[in-house]
Each structure stands twice: as structure tokens, then as C-alpha cells.
Amino acid sequence: MTDSHSPCLYTAVDSSLLAAAAYSTEETLELQFRSGAVYRYFAVPSAVFPNLIAATSKGTYFNRHIRNNFHYQLLV
């Protein structure tokens, strides 16, 4: 977890879709995809991050619970 003055701390994930994920106290979730793209998702409940990390399939969790559910911004 980070504050508004420090960058998100990424956690590497074992996934064919995602390379890493980070969550901030500002309720933003950043996902780094294997493609190299990085997206920031806004107003994400705090339970989403640990659920994503614990999911057997990160890609399935992303598609069911994150994709198309939150406003997002392409960072890279």
C-alpha cells in the first residue's frame, strides 16, 4: 500500500495475462499486463486486490471482476 506521494509497490503474479499488480490507499489498482501495457483502475474496493492475488487464475478473476467494472486509464 502506498500514499499519494509514493509510487505503487508492485507484486509479481503468476499469470499468463498479468505480470504484476499494485493497489494504493487511494483505491486505485494498477495492472501490468504481459504485453507491457499498464492500466490504472479507479474506485476499486480494497478486497479486490487480495482476491486477485489469491485467485487460482488471475486472468479469469480479471475478466469476471475487474474488466468492464471500473473506470480505467492506460498508463503505458
C-alpha atoms as a PDB file:
ATOM      1  CA  MET A   1       0.000   0.000   0.000  1.00  0.00           C
ATOM      2  CA  THR A   2       1.191   3.466  -0.797  1.00  0.00           C
ATOM      3  CA  ASP A   3       0.262   7.054  -0.115  1.00  0.00           C
ATOM      4  CA  SER A   4      -0.271   9.775  -2.704  1.00  0.00           C
ATOM      5  CA  HIS A   5       3.406  10.764  -2.592  1.00  0.00           C
ATOM      6  CA  SER A   6       4.985   7.419  -3.386  1.00  0.00           C
ATOM      7  CA  PRO A   7       4.637   5.050  -6.327  1.00  0.00           C
ATOM      8  CA  CYS A   8       2.617   1.875  -6.074  1.00  0.00           C
ATOM      9  CA  LEU A   9       4.566  -1.173  -4.967  1.00  0.00           C
ATOM     10  CA  TYR A  10       4.041  -3.930  -7.490  1.00  0.00           C
ATOM     11  CA  THR A  11       3.557  -7.580  -6.627  1.00  0.00           C
ATOM     12  CA  ALA A  12       4.642 -10.049  -9.314  1.00  0.00           C
ATOM     13  CA  VAL A  13       1.896 -12.524 -10.171  1.00  0.00           C
ATOM     14  CA  ASP A  14       1.942 -15.984 -11.704  1.00  0.00           C
ATOM     15  CA  SER A  15      -0.328 -15.444 -14.692  1.00  0.00           C
ATOM     16  CA  SER A  16      -0.282 -15.794 -18.465  1.00  0.00           C
ATOM     17  CA  LEU A  17      -2.207 -12.490 -18.722  1.00  0.00           C
ATOM     18  CA  LEU A  18      -0.733 -10.343 -15.937  1.00  0.00           C
ATOM     19  CA  ALA A  19       2.870  -9.682 -14.939  1.00  0.00           C
ATOM     20  CA  ALA A  20       2.277  -7.609 -11.800  1.00  0.00           C
ATOM     21  CA  ALA A  21      -0.356  -5.802  -9.754  1.00  0.00           C
ATOM     22  CA  ALA A  22      -0.362  -2.941  -7.250  1.00  0.00           C
ATOM     23  CA  TYR A  23      -3.017  -1.332  -5.058  1.00  0.00           C
ATOM     24  CA  SER A  24      -2.929   2.077  -3.410  1.00  0.00           C
ATOM     25  CA  THR A  25      -4.787   3.566  -0.466  1.00  0.00           C
ATOM     26  CA  GLU A  26      -6.470   5.875  -2.993  1.00  0.00           C
ATOM     27  CA  GLU A  27      -8.479   2.840  -4.179  1.00  0.00           C
ATOM     28  CA  THR A  28      -6.561   2.560  -7.426  1.00  0.00           C
ATOM     29  CA  LEU A  29      -5.440  -0.750  -8.850  1.00  0.00           C
ATOM     30  CA  GLU A  30      -2.580  -0.843 -11.336  1.00  0.00           C
ATOM     31  CA  LEU A  31      -2.141  -3.889 -13.513  1.00  0.00           C
ATOM     32  CA  GLN A  32       0.873  -4.610 -15.675  1.00  0.00           C
ATOM     33  CA  PHE A  33      -0.001  -6.999 -18.463  1.00  0.00           C
ATOM     34  CA  ARG A  34       2.403  -9.446 -20.085  1.00  0.00           C
ATOM     35  CA  SER A  35       2.010  -7.355 -23.259  1.00  0.00           C
ATOM     36  CA  GLY A  36       3.746  -4.492 -21.442  1.00  0.00           C
ATOM     37  CA  ALA A  37       0.631  -2.340 -21.106  1.00  0.00           C
ATOM     38  CA  VAL A  38      -0.102  -0.827 -17.686  1.00  0.00           C
ATOM     39  CA  TYR A  39      -3.626   0.194 -16.723  1.00  0.00           C
ATOM     40  CA  ARG A  40      -4.872   2.066 -13.658  1.00  0.00           C
ATOM     41  CA  TYR A  41      -8.378   1.234 -12.422  1.00  0.00           C
ATOM     42  CA  PHE A  42     -10.250   3.704 -10.211  1.00  0.00           C
ATOM     43  CA  ALA A  43     -12.588   3.321  -7.196  1.00  0.00           C
ATOM     44  CA  VAL A  44     -11.614  -0.323  -6.714  1.00  0.00           C
ATOM     45  CA  PRO A  45     -12.716  -1.798  -3.361  1.00  0.00           C
ATOM     46  CA  SER A  46      -9.806  -2.911  -1.179  1.00  0.00           C
ATOM     47  CA  ALA A  47     -10.940  -6.570  -1.230  1.00  0.00           C
ATOM     48  CA  VAL A  48     -10.329  -6.844  -4.981  1.00  0.00           C
ATOM     49  CA  PHE A  49      -6.519  -6.776  -4.716  1.00  0.00           C
ATOM     50  CA  PRO A  50      -6.060  -9.671  -2.257  1.00  0.00           C
ATOM     51  CA  ASN A  51      -8.734 -11.642  -4.097  1.00  0.00           C
ATOM     52  CA  LEU A  52      -6.861 -11.141  -7.366  1.00  0.00           C
ATOM     53  CA  ILE A  53      -3.549 -12.187  -5.792  1.00  0.00           C
ATOM     54  CA  ALA A  54      -5.167 -15.293  -4.252  1.00  0.00           C
ATOM     55  CA  ALA A  55      -7.089 -16.313  -7.373  1.00  0.00           C
ATOM     56  CA  THR A  56      -6.042 -19.579  -8.990  1.00  0.00           C
ATOM     57  CA  SER A  57      -6.468 -17.913 -12.397  1.00  0.00           C
ATOM     58  CA  LYS A  58      -5.611 -14.210 -12.363  1.00  0.00           C
ATOM     59  CA  GLY A  59      -6.912 -13.836 -15.928  1.00  0.00           C
ATOM     60  CA  THR A  60     -10.291 -15.335 -15.076  1.00  0.00           C
ATOM     61  CA  TYR A  61     -10.572 -13.156 -11.964  1.00  0.00           C
ATOM     62  CA  PHE A  62      -9.651 -10.083 -14.002  1.00  0.00           C
ATOM     63  CA  ASN A  63     -12.219 -10.854 -16.699  1.00  0.00           C
ATOM     64  CA  ARG A  64     -15.018 -11.550 -14.182  1.00  0.00           C
ATOM     65  CA  HIS A  65     -14.384  -8.922 -11.503  1.00  0.00           C
ATOM     66  CA  ILE A  66     -12.243  -6.077 -12.884  1.00  0.00           C
ATOM     67  CA  ARG A  67     -12.531  -5.769 -16.660  1.00  0.00           C
ATOM     68  CA  ASN A  68     -15.518  -3.610 -17.658  1.00  0.00           C
ATOM     69  CA  ASN A  69     -16.364  -2.958 -13.972  1.00  0.00           C
ATOM     70  CA  PHE A  70     -14.210   0.103 -13.225  1.00  0.00           C
ATOM     71  CA  HIS A  71     -13.149   3.289 -14.962  1.00  0.00           C
ATOM     72  CA  TYR A  72      -9.563   2.964 -16.121  1.00  0.00           C
ATOM     73  CA  GLN A  73      -6.680   4.813 -17.699  1.00  0.00           C
ATOM     74  CA  LEU A  74      -3.923   3.426 -19.926  1.00  0.00           C
ATOM     75  CA  LEU A  75      -0.580   4.475 -18.382  1.00  0.00           C
ATOM     76  CA  VAL A  76       1.899   2.712 -20.673  1.00  0.00           C
END
